[in-house]
Amino acid sequence: MKIKIAIDVGERGVRCVELSNAESLTVEICGNHNRAVEEWIEAYMAGREAPLPPLDMRQFKTAHTERVCMALKEVVRGQTVTYQGLAERIGSPKGARSV
């Protein structure tokens, strides 16, 4: 099984990333073509570390959602984190179901 990665890029950065099953590995960048996003994908697929491109923070409707997203950005490639661990990282130790 391969994967399709669809990335929606706005003026302020990445708005959405969708992963789905596909016949082959494909990467599709929608919206504003952003070289930083393209370079990050190339580095990631080659197994190299690269900083994440900017995220468009306007999409987050609550401060909680924004904290969750920012905490997810801190997860190192290859590291796993549980919902409980993520909730603790954002200072909401009883909030595992909300992350």
PDB file of N, CA and C in Angstrom:
ATOM      1  N   MET A   1       0.836  -1.176   0.000  1.00  0.00           N
ATOM      2  CA  MET A   1       0.000   0.000   0.000  1.00  0.00           C
ATOM      3  C   MET A   1       0.884   1.243   0.000  1.00  0.00           C
ATOM      4  N   LYS A   2       0.534   2.184  -0.814  1.00  0.00           N
ATOM      5  CA  LYS A   2       1.232   3.468  -0.884  1.00  0.00           C
ATOM      6  C   LYS A   2       0.310   4.545  -0.322  1.00  0.00           C
ATOM      7  N   ILE A   3       0.801   5.759  -0.327  1.00  0.00           N
ATOM      8  CA  ILE A   3       0.025   6.842   0.262  1.00  0.00           C
ATOM      9  C   ILE A   3       0.002   8.060  -0.638  1.00  0.00           C
ATOM     10  N   LYS A   4      -1.094   8.787  -0.577  1.00  0.00           N
ATOM     11  CA  LYS A   4      -1.207  10.069  -1.253  1.00  0.00           C
ATOM     12  C   LYS A   4      -1.201  11.146  -0.171  1.00  0.00           C
ATOM     13  N   ILE A   5      -0.372  12.157  -0.349  1.00  0.00           N
ATOM     14  CA  ILE A   5      -0.288  13.277   0.582  1.00  0.00           C
ATOM     15  C   ILE A   5      -0.792  14.508  -0.152  1.00  0.00           C
ATOM     16  N   ALA A   6      -1.897  15.070   0.303  1.00  0.00           N
ATOM     17  CA  ALA A   6      -2.448  16.287  -0.295  1.00  0.00           C
ATOM     18  C   ALA A   6      -2.258  17.422   0.705  1.00  0.00           C
ATOM     19  N   ILE A   7      -1.618  18.485   0.277  1.00  0.00           N
ATOM     20  CA  ILE A   7      -1.298  19.605   1.161  1.00  0.00           C
ATOM     21  C   ILE A   7      -1.938  20.868   0.597  1.00  0.00           C
ATOM     22  N   ASP A   8      -2.723  21.542   1.430  1.00  0.00           N
ATOM     23  CA  ASP A   8      -3.360  22.796   1.040  1.00  0.00           C
ATOM     24  C   ASP A   8      -2.562  23.938   1.655  1.00  0.00           C
ATOM     25  N   VAL A   9      -2.032  24.821   0.811  1.00  0.00           N
ATOM     26  CA  VAL A   9      -1.181  25.910   1.262  1.00  0.00           C
ATOM     27  C   VAL A   9      -1.866  27.238   0.970  1.00  0.00           C
ATOM     28  N   GLY A  10      -1.976  28.072   1.998  1.00  0.00           N
ATOM     29  CA  GLY A  10      -2.536  29.409   1.842  1.00  0.00           C
ATOM     30  C   GLY A  10      -1.430  30.446   1.893  1.00  0.00           C
ATOM     31  N   GLU A  11      -1.818  31.695   1.884  1.00  0.00           N
ATOM     32  CA  GLU A  11      -0.837  32.778   1.909  1.00  0.00           C
ATOM     33  C   GLU A  11       0.027  32.766   3.158  1.00  0.00           C
ATOM     34  N   ARG A  12      -0.526  32.288   4.277  1.00  0.00           N
ATOM     35  CA  ARG A  12       0.204  32.303   5.542  1.00  0.00           C
ATOM     36  C   ARG A  12       0.826  30.961   5.894  1.00  0.00           C
ATOM     37  N   GLY A  13       0.712  29.994   5.030  1.00  0.00           N
ATOM     38  CA  GLY A  13       1.330  28.704   5.299  1.00  0.00           C
ATOM     39  C   GLY A  13       0.374  27.544   5.085  1.00  0.00           C
ATOM     40  N   VAL A  14       0.748  26.385   5.626  1.00  0.00           N
ATOM     41  CA  VAL A  14      -0.018  25.155   5.452  1.00  0.00           C
ATOM     42  C   VAL A  14      -1.348  25.264   6.192  1.00  0.00           C
ATOM     43  N   ARG A  15      -2.447  24.957   5.473  1.00  0.00           N
ATOM     44  CA  ARG A  15      -3.774  24.987   6.081  1.00  0.00           C
ATOM     45  C   ARG A  15      -4.281  23.586   6.395  1.00  0.00           C
ATOM     46  N   CYS A  16      -3.900  22.615   5.584  1.00  0.00           N
ATOM     47  CA  CYS A  16      -4.451  21.277   5.765  1.00  0.00           C
ATOM     48  C   CYS A  16      -3.540  20.252   5.097  1.00  0.00           C
ATOM     49  N   VAL A  17      -3.410  19.086   5.743  1.00  0.00           N
ATOM     50  CA  VAL A  17      -2.692  17.953   5.156  1.00  0.00           C
ATOM     51  C   VAL A  17      -3.623  16.756   5.230  1.00  0.00           C
ATOM     52  N   GLU A  18      -3.842  16.104   4.105  1.00  0.00           N
ATOM     53  CA  GLU A  18      -4.685  14.908   4.052  1.00  0.00           C
ATOM     54  C   GLU A  18      -3.854  13.730   3.585  1.00  0.00           C
ATOM     55  N   LEU A  19      -4.021  12.602   4.253  1.00  0.00           N
ATOM     56  CA  LEU A  19      -3.344  11.369   3.870  1.00  0.00           C
ATOM     57  C   LEU A  19      -4.407  10.366   3.436  1.00  0.00           C
ATOM     58  N   SER A  20      -4.152   9.670   2.353  1.00  0.00           N
ATOM     59  CA  SER A  20      -5.092   8.647   1.897  1.00  0.00           C
ATOM     60  C   SER A  20      -4.335   7.537   1.183  1.00  0.00           C
ATOM     61  N   ASN A  21      -4.990   6.385   1.050  1.00  0.00           N
ATOM     62  CA  ASN A  21      -4.390   5.263   0.339  1.00  0.00           C
ATOM     63  C   ASN A  21      -4.323   5.574  -1.146  1.00  0.00           C
ATOM     64  N   ALA A  22      -3.290   5.050  -1.793  1.00  0.00           N
ATOM     65  CA  ALA A  22      -3.130   5.286  -3.230  1.00  0.00           C
ATOM     66  C   ALA A  22      -2.368   4.118  -3.835  1.00  0.00           C
ATOM     67  N   GLU A  23      -2.365   4.068  -5.147  1.00  0.00           N
ATOM     68  CA  GLU A  23      -1.633   3.024  -5.862  1.00  0.00           C
ATOM     69  C   GLU A  23      -0.130   3.258  -5.802  1.00  0.00           C
ATOM     70  N   SER A  24       0.267   4.516  -5.689  1.00  0.00           N
ATOM     71  CA  SER A  24       1.686   4.846  -5.612  1.00  0.00           C
ATOM     72  C   SER A  24       1.832   6.078  -4.718  1.00  0.00           C
ATOM     73  N   LEU A  25       3.043   6.338  -4.290  1.00  0.00           N
ATOM     74  CA  LEU A  25       3.298   7.518  -3.474  1.00  0.00           C
ATOM     75  C   LEU A  25       3.111   8.751  -4.338  1.00  0.00           C
ATOM     76  N   THR A  26       2.199   9.619  -3.928  1.00  0.00           N
ATOM     77  CA  THR A  26       1.989  10.863  -4.653  1.00  0.00           C
ATOM     78  C   THR A  26       1.913  12.012  -3.665  1.00  0.00           C
ATOM     79  N   VAL A  27       2.393  13.157  -4.096  1.00  0.00           N
ATOM     80  CA  VAL A  27       2.315  14.371  -3.291  1.00  0.00           C
ATOM     81  C   VAL A  27       1.642  15.425  -4.145  1.00  0.00           C
ATOM     82  N   GLU A  28       0.603  16.033  -3.601  1.00  0.00           N
ATOM     83  CA  GLU A  28      -0.162  17.035  -4.328  1.00  0.00           C
ATOM     84  C   GLU A  28      -0.219  18.298  -3.472  1.00  0.00           C
ATOM     85  N   ILE A  29       0.274  19.416  -3.994  1.00  0.00           N
ATOM     86  CA  ILE A  29       0.231  20.681  -3.271  1.00  0.00           C
ATOM     87  C   ILE A  29      -0.831  21.551  -3.928  1.00  0.00           C
ATOM     88  N   CYS A  30      -1.853  21.932  -3.144  1.00  0.00           N
ATOM     89  CA  CYS A  30      -2.954  22.747  -3.644  1.00  0.00           C
ATOM     90  C   CYS A  30      -2.806  24.173  -3.124  1.00  0.00           C
ATOM     91  N   GLY A  31      -3.443  25.113  -3.766  1.00  0.00           N
ATOM     92  CA  GLY A  31      -3.407  26.494  -3.311  1.00  0.00           C
ATOM     93  C   GLY A  31      -2.142  27.175  -3.785  1.00  0.00           C
ATOM     94  N   ASN A  32      -1.632  28.070  -2.980  1.00  0.00           N
ATOM     95  CA  ASN A  32      -0.411  28.801  -3.314  1.00  0.00           C
ATOM     96  C   ASN A  32       0.767  27.846  -3.325  1.00  0.00           C
ATOM     97  N   HIS A  33       1.486  27.787  -4.417  1.00  0.00           N
ATOM     98  CA  HIS A  33       2.660  26.924  -4.474  1.00  0.00           C
ATOM     99  C   HIS A  33       3.737  27.533  -3.587  1.00  0.00           C
ATOM    100  N   ASN A  34       4.175  26.768  -2.640  1.00  0.00           N
ATOM    101  CA  ASN A  34       5.085  27.274  -1.635  1.00  0.00           C
ATOM    102  C   ASN A  34       6.351  26.424  -1.648  1.00  0.00           C
ATOM    103  N   ARG A  35       7.487  27.016  -1.994  1.00  0.00           N
ATOM    104  CA  ARG A  35       8.745  26.270  -2.097  1.00  0.00           C
ATOM    105  C   ARG A  35       9.159  25.670  -0.753  1.00  0.00           C
ATOM    106  N   ALA A  36       8.877  26.349   0.356  1.00  0.00           N
ATOM    107  CA  ALA A  36       9.243  25.817   1.674  1.00  0.00           C
ATOM    108  C   ALA A  36       8.536  24.492   1.945  1.00  0.00           C
ATOM    109  N   VAL A  37       7.282  24.395   1.550  1.00  0.00           N
ATOM    110  CA  VAL A  37       6.526  23.149   1.735  1.00  0.00           C
ATOM    111  C   VAL A  37       7.124  22.054   0.859  1.00  0.00           C
ATOM    112  N   GLU A  38       7.415  22.391  -0.377  1.00  0.00           N
ATOM    113  CA  GLU A  38       8.009  21.425  -1.301  1.00  0.00           C
ATOM    114  C   GLU A  38       9.357  20.912  -0.778  1.00  0.00           C
ATOM    115  N   GLU A  39      10.198  21.807  -0.275  1.00  0.00           N
ATOM    116  CA  GLU A  39      11.501  21.405   0.272  1.00  0.00           C
ATOM    117  C   GLU A  39      11.337  20.524   1.498  1.00  0.00           C
ATOM    118  N   TRP A  40      10.349  20.819   2.338  1.00  0.00           N
ATOM    119  CA  TRP A  40      10.126  19.998   3.521  1.00  0.00           C
ATOM    120  C   TRP A  40       9.713  18.578   3.121  1.00  0.00           C
ATOM    121  N   ILE A  41       8.817  18.464   2.144  1.00  0.00           N
ATOM    122  CA  ILE A  41       8.379  17.141   1.682  1.00  0.00           C
ATOM    123  C   ILE A  41       9.566  16.367   1.112  1.00  0.00           C
ATOM    124  N   GLU A  42      10.374  17.012   0.291  1.00  0.00           N
ATOM    125  CA  GLU A  42      11.536  16.342  -0.299  1.00  0.00           C
ATOM    126  C   GLU A  42      12.485  15.849   0.784  1.00  0.00           C
ATOM    127  N   ALA A  43      12.756  16.683   1.781  1.00  0.00           N
ATOM    128  CA  ALA A  43      13.659  16.288   2.866  1.00  0.00           C
ATOM    129  C   ALA A  43      13.056  15.145   3.668  1.00  0.00           C
ATOM    130  N   TYR A  44      11.774  15.245   3.991  1.00  0.00           N
ATOM    131  CA  TYR A  44      11.112  14.208   4.781  1.00  0.00           C
ATOM    132  C   TYR A  44      11.154  12.866   4.066  1.00  0.00           C
ATOM    133  N   MET A  45      10.840  12.875   2.788  1.00  0.00           N
ATOM    134  CA  MET A  45      10.827  11.629   2.026  1.00  0.00           C
ATOM    135  C   MET A  45      12.227  11.045   1.868  1.00  0.00           C
ATOM    136  N   ALA A  46      13.241  11.884   1.912  1.00  0.00           N
ATOM    137  CA  ALA A  46      14.625  11.409   1.810  1.00  0.00           C
ATOM    138  C   ALA A  46      15.181  11.006   3.172  1.00  0.00           C
ATOM    139  N   GLY A  47      14.366  11.153   4.230  1.00  0.00           N
ATOM    140  CA  GLY A  47      14.809  10.754   5.562  1.00  0.00           C
ATOM    141  C   GLY A  47      15.661  11.797   6.269  1.00  0.00           C
ATOM    142  N   ARG A  48      15.660  13.032   5.775  1.00  0.00           N
ATOM    143  CA  ARG A  48      16.442  14.098   6.402  1.00  0.00           C
ATOM    144  C   ARG A  48      15.546  14.932   7.313  1.00  0.00           C
ATOM    145  N   GLU A  49      16.141  15.457   8.372  1.00  0.00           N
ATOM    146  CA  GLU A  49      15.418  16.368   9.251  1.00  0.00           C
ATOM    147  C   GLU A  49      15.248  17.704   8.548  1.00  0.00           C
ATOM    148  N   ALA A  50      14.108  18.309   8.717  1.00  0.00           N
ATOM    149  CA  ALA A  50      13.853  19.633   8.139  1.00  0.00           C
ATOM    150  C   ALA A  50      12.804  20.318   9.001  1.00  0.00           C
ATOM    151  N   PRO A  51      12.941  21.620   9.200  1.00  0.00           N
ATOM    152  CA  PRO A  51      11.919  22.332   9.978  1.00  0.00           C
ATOM    153  C   PRO A  51      10.584  22.330   9.242  1.00  0.00           C
ATOM    154  N   LEU A  52       9.508  22.228   9.989  1.00  0.00           N
ATOM    155  CA  LEU A  52       8.186  22.269   9.381  1.00  0.00           C
ATOM    156  C   LEU A  52       7.936  23.635   8.769  1.00  0.00           C
ATOM    157  N   PRO A  53       7.243  23.654   7.654  1.00  0.00           N
ATOM    158  CA  PRO A  53       6.872  24.949   7.080  1.00  0.00           C
ATOM    159  C   PRO A  53       5.869  25.640   8.003  1.00  0.00           C
ATOM    160  N   PRO A  54       5.678  26.948   7.829  1.00  0.00           N
ATOM    161  CA  PRO A  54       4.743  27.657   8.702  1.00  0.00           C
ATOM    162  C   PRO A  54       3.321  27.120   8.572  1.00  0.00           C
ATOM    163  N   LEU A  55       2.577  27.189   9.669  1.00  0.00           N
ATOM    164  CA  LEU A  55       1.174  26.801   9.670  1.00  0.00           C
ATOM    165  C   LEU A  55       0.309  28.048   9.673  1.00  0.00           C
ATOM    166  N   ASP A  56      -0.801  27.995   8.974  1.00  0.00           N
ATOM    167  CA  ASP A  56      -1.762  29.095   8.988  1.00  0.00           C
ATOM    168  C   ASP A  56      -2.601  28.943  10.253  1.00  0.00           C
ATOM    169  N   MET A  57      -2.292  29.727  11.278  1.00  0.00           N
ATOM    170  CA  MET A  57      -2.934  29.579  12.575  1.00  0.00           C
ATOM    171  C   MET A  57      -4.367  30.110  12.599  1.00  0.00           C
ATOM    172  N   ARG A  58      -4.814  30.789  11.550  1.00  0.00           N
ATOM    173  CA  ARG A  58      -6.183  31.306  11.531  1.00  0.00           C
ATOM    174  C   ARG A  58      -7.216  30.189  11.486  1.00  0.00           C
ATOM    175  N   GLN A  59      -6.802  28.987  11.101  1.00  0.00           N
ATOM    176  CA  GLN A  59      -7.754  27.888  10.984  1.00  0.00           C
ATOM    177  C   GLN A  59      -8.189  27.337  12.337  1.00  0.00           C
ATOM    178  N   PHE A  60      -7.443  27.620  13.378  1.00  0.00           N
ATOM    179  CA  PHE A  60      -7.762  27.063  14.685  1.00  0.00           C
ATOM    180  C   PHE A  60      -8.804  27.929  15.369  1.00  0.00           C
ATOM    181  N   LYS A  61      -9.901  27.324  15.738  1.00  0.00           N
ATOM    182  CA  LYS A  61     -11.032  28.071  16.276  1.00  0.00           C
ATOM    183  C   LYS A  61     -10.901  28.350  17.774  1.00  0.00           C
ATOM    184  N   THR A  62     -10.094  27.558  18.474  1.00  0.00           N
ATOM    185  CA  THR A  62      -9.956  27.763  19.921  1.00  0.00           C
ATOM    186  C   THR A  62      -8.484  27.772  20.307  1.00  0.00           C
ATOM    187  N   ALA A  63      -8.202  28.364  21.443  1.00  0.00           N
ATOM    188  CA  ALA A  63      -6.832  28.373  21.963  1.00  0.00           C
ATOM    189  C   ALA A  63      -6.373  26.946  22.261  1.00  0.00           C
ATOM    190  N   HIS A  64      -7.309  26.105  22.707  1.00  0.00           N
ATOM    191  CA  HIS A  64      -6.975  24.706  23.001  1.00  0.00           C
ATOM    192  C   HIS A  64      -6.478  23.992  21.743  1.00  0.00           C
ATOM    193  N   THR A  65      -7.199  24.144  20.636  1.00  0.00           N
ATOM    194  CA  THR A  65      -6.807  23.512  19.384  1.00  0.00           C
ATOM    195  C   THR A  65      -5.439  24.012  18.937  1.00  0.00           C
ATOM    196  N   GLU A  66      -5.189  25.294  19.102  1.00  0.00           N
ATOM    197  CA  GLU A  66      -3.897  25.855  18.732  1.00  0.00           C
ATOM    198  C   GLU A  66      -2.779  25.268  19.596  1.00  0.00           C
ATOM    199  N   ARG A  67      -3.020  25.116  20.903  1.00  0.00           N
ATOM    200  CA  ARG A  67      -1.996  24.519  21.792  1.00  0.00           C
ATOM    201  C   ARG A  67      -1.702  23.076  21.389  1.00  0.00           C
ATOM    202  N   VAL A  68      -2.745  22.333  21.034  1.00  0.00           N
ATOM    203  CA  VAL A  68      -2.552  20.943  20.600  1.00  0.00           C
ATOM    204  C   VAL A  68      -1.679  20.905  19.347  1.00  0.00           C
ATOM    205  N   CYS A  69      -1.992  21.744  18.381  1.00  0.00           N
ATOM    206  CA  CYS A  69      -1.229  21.766  17.133  1.00  0.00           C
ATOM    207  C   CYS A  69       0.230  22.141  17.383  1.00  0.00           C
ATOM    208  N   MET A  70       0.441  23.140  18.204  1.00  0.00           N
ATOM    209  CA  MET A  70       1.812  23.566  18.488  1.00  0.00           C
ATOM    210  C   MET A  70       2.586  22.455  19.212  1.00  0.00           C
ATOM    211  N   ALA A  71       1.918  21.727  20.096  1.00  0.00           N
ATOM    212  CA  ALA A  71       2.568  20.613  20.791  1.00  0.00           C
ATOM    213  C   ALA A  71       2.905  19.493  19.809  1.00  0.00           C
ATOM    214  N   LEU A  72       2.028  19.253  18.843  1.00  0.00           N
ATOM    215  CA  LEU A  72       2.291  18.226  17.838  1.00  0.00           C
ATOM    216  C   LEU A  72       3.519  18.567  17.002  1.00  0.00           C
ATOM    217  N   LYS A  73       3.723  19.854  16.748  1.00  0.00           N
ATOM    218  CA  LYS A  73       4.903  20.274  15.979  1.00  0.00           C
ATOM    219  C   LYS A  73       6.198  19.935  16.712  1.00  0.00           C
ATOM    220  N   GLU A  74       6.126  19.788  18.034  1.00  0.00           N
ATOM    221  CA  GLU A  74       7.320  19.506  18.832  1.00  0.00           C
ATOM    222  C   GLU A  74       7.655  18.011  18.889  1.00  0.00           C
ATOM    223  N   VAL A  75       6.762  17.167  18.391  1.00  0.00           N
ATOM    224  CA  VAL A  75       7.027  15.724  18.392  1.00  0.00           C
ATOM    225  C   VAL A  75       8.093  15.448  17.337  1.00  0.00           C
ATOM    226  N   VAL A  76       9.172  14.842  17.771  1.00  0.00           N
ATOM    227  CA  VAL A  76      10.315  14.575  16.903  1.00  0.00           C
ATOM    228  C   VAL A  76       9.995  13.403  15.979  1.00  0.00           C
ATOM    229  N   ARG A  77      10.509  13.475  14.780  1.00  0.00           N
ATOM    230  CA  ARG A  77      10.310  12.406  13.804  1.00  0.00           C
ATOM    231  C   ARG A  77      10.701  11.062  14.424  1.00  0.00           C
ATOM    232  N   GLY A  78       9.819  10.090  14.313  1.00  0.00           N
ATOM    233  CA  GLY A  78      10.067   8.756  14.848  1.00  0.00           C
ATOM    234  C   GLY A  78       9.598   8.578  16.281  1.00  0.00           C
ATOM    235  N   GLN A  79       9.303   9.680  16.960  1.00  0.00           N
ATOM    236  CA  GLN A  79       8.830   9.619  18.344  1.00  0.00           C
ATOM    237  C   GLN A  79       7.322   9.410  18.330  1.00  0.00           C
ATOM    238  N   THR A  80       6.825   8.698  19.312  1.00  0.00           N
ATOM    239  CA  THR A  80       5.382   8.558  19.451  1.00  0.00           C
ATOM    240  C   THR A  80       4.941   9.275  20.715  1.00  0.00           C
ATOM    241  N   VAL A  81       3.716   9.696  20.714  1.00  0.00           N
ATOM    242  CA  VAL A  81       3.148  10.349  21.887  1.00  0.00           C
ATOM    243  C   VAL A  81       1.692   9.912  21.995  1.00  0.00           C
ATOM    244  N   THR A  82       1.261   9.651  23.209  1.00  0.00           N
ATOM    245  CA  THR A  82      -0.129   9.253  23.424  1.00  0.00           C
ATOM    246  C   THR A  82      -1.000  10.500  23.543  1.00  0.00           C
ATOM    247  N   TYR A  83      -2.303  10.295  23.452  1.00  0.00           N
ATOM    248  CA  TYR A  83      -3.218  11.418  23.672  1.00  0.00           C
ATOM    249  C   TYR A  83      -3.011  11.980  25.081  1.00  0.00           C
ATOM    250  N   GLN A  84      -2.815  11.084  26.044  1.00  0.00           N
ATOM    251  CA  GLN A  84      -2.583  11.524  27.422  1.00  0.00           C
ATOM    252  C   GLN A  84      -1.295  12.336  27.516  1.00  0.00           C
ATOM    253  N   GLY A  85      -0.240  11.858  26.873  1.00  0.00           N
ATOM    254  CA  GLY A  85       1.025  12.578  26.889  1.00  0.00           C
ATOM    255  C   GLY A  85       0.908  13.945  26.246  1.00  0.00           C
ATOM    256  N   LEU A  86       0.150  14.021  25.173  1.00  0.00           N
ATOM    257  CA  LEU A  86      -0.052  15.297  24.493  1.00  0.00           C
ATOM    258  C   LEU A  86      -0.847  16.253  25.384  1.00  0.00           C
ATOM    259  N   ALA A  87      -1.880  15.728  26.031  1.00  0.00           N
ATOM    260  CA  ALA A  87      -2.678  16.557  26.942  1.00  0.00           C
ATOM    261  C   ALA A  87      -1.804  17.105  28.066  1.00  0.00           C
ATOM    262  N   GLU A  88      -0.925  16.285  28.600  1.00  0.00           N
ATOM    263  CA  GLU A  88      -0.026  16.741  29.657  1.00  0.00           C
ATOM    264  C   GLU A  88       0.928  17.816  29.149  1.00  0.00           C
ATOM    265  N   ARG A  89       1.397  17.678  27.911  1.00  0.00           N
ATOM    266  CA  ARG A  89       2.307  18.673  27.334  1.00  0.00           C
ATOM    267  C   ARG A  89       1.669  20.055  27.233  1.00  0.00           C
ATOM    268  N   ILE A  90       0.363  20.086  27.007  1.00  0.00           N
ATOM    269  CA  ILE A  90      -0.301  21.385  26.856  1.00  0.00           C
ATOM    270  C   ILE A  90      -0.884  21.886  28.175  1.00  0.00           C
ATOM    271  N   GLY A  91      -0.574  21.185  29.267  1.00  0.00           N
ATOM    272  CA  GLY A  91      -1.037  21.629  30.583  1.00  0.00           C
ATOM    273  C   GLY A  91      -2.463  21.266  30.899  1.00  0.00           C
ATOM    274  N   SER A  92      -2.971  20.228  30.257  1.00  0.00           N
ATOM    275  CA  SER A  92      -4.344  19.774  30.485  1.00  0.00           C
ATOM    276  C   SER A  92      -4.336  18.274  30.732  1.00  0.00           C
ATOM    277  N   PRO A  93      -3.787  17.842  31.908  1.00  0.00           N
ATOM    278  CA  PRO A  93      -3.576  16.409  32.147  1.00  0.00           C
ATOM    279  C   PRO A  93      -4.847  15.555  32.110  1.00  0.00           C
ATOM    280  N   LYS A  94      -6.006  16.144  32.268  1.00  0.00           N
ATOM    281  CA  LYS A  94      -7.262  15.372  32.193  1.00  0.00           C
ATOM    282  C   LYS A  94      -7.943  15.554  30.839  1.00  0.00           C
ATOM    283  N   GLY A  95      -7.237  16.106  29.881  1.00  0.00           N
ATOM    284  CA  GLY A  95      -7.841  16.426  28.600  1.00  0.00           C
ATOM    285  C   GLY A  95      -7.489  15.489  27.458  1.00  0.00           C
ATOM    286  N   ALA A  96      -7.133  14.244  27.742  1.00  0.00           N
ATOM    287  CA  ALA A  96      -6.719  13.322  26.684  1.00  0.00           C
ATOM    288  C   ALA A  96      -7.803  13.130  25.624  1.00  0.00           C
ATOM    289  N   ARG A  97      -9.065  13.120  26.028  1.00  0.00           N
ATOM    290  CA  ARG A  97     -10.143  12.912  25.049  1.00  0.00           C
ATOM    291  C   ARG A  97     -10.350  14.117  24.147  1.00  0.00           C
ATOM    292  N   SER A  98      -9.901  15.274  24.580  1.00  0.00           N
ATOM    293  CA  SER A  98     -10.125  16.485  23.778  1.00  0.00           C
ATOM    294  C   SER A  98      -8.995  16.777  22.812  1.00  0.00           C
ATOM    295  N   VAL A  99      -7.916  16.012  22.882  1.00  0.00           N
ATOM    296  CA  VAL A  99      -6.823  16.252  21.934  1.00  0.00           C
ATOM    297  C   VAL A  99      -6.947  15.292  20.779  1.00  0.00           C
TER     298      VAL A  99
END
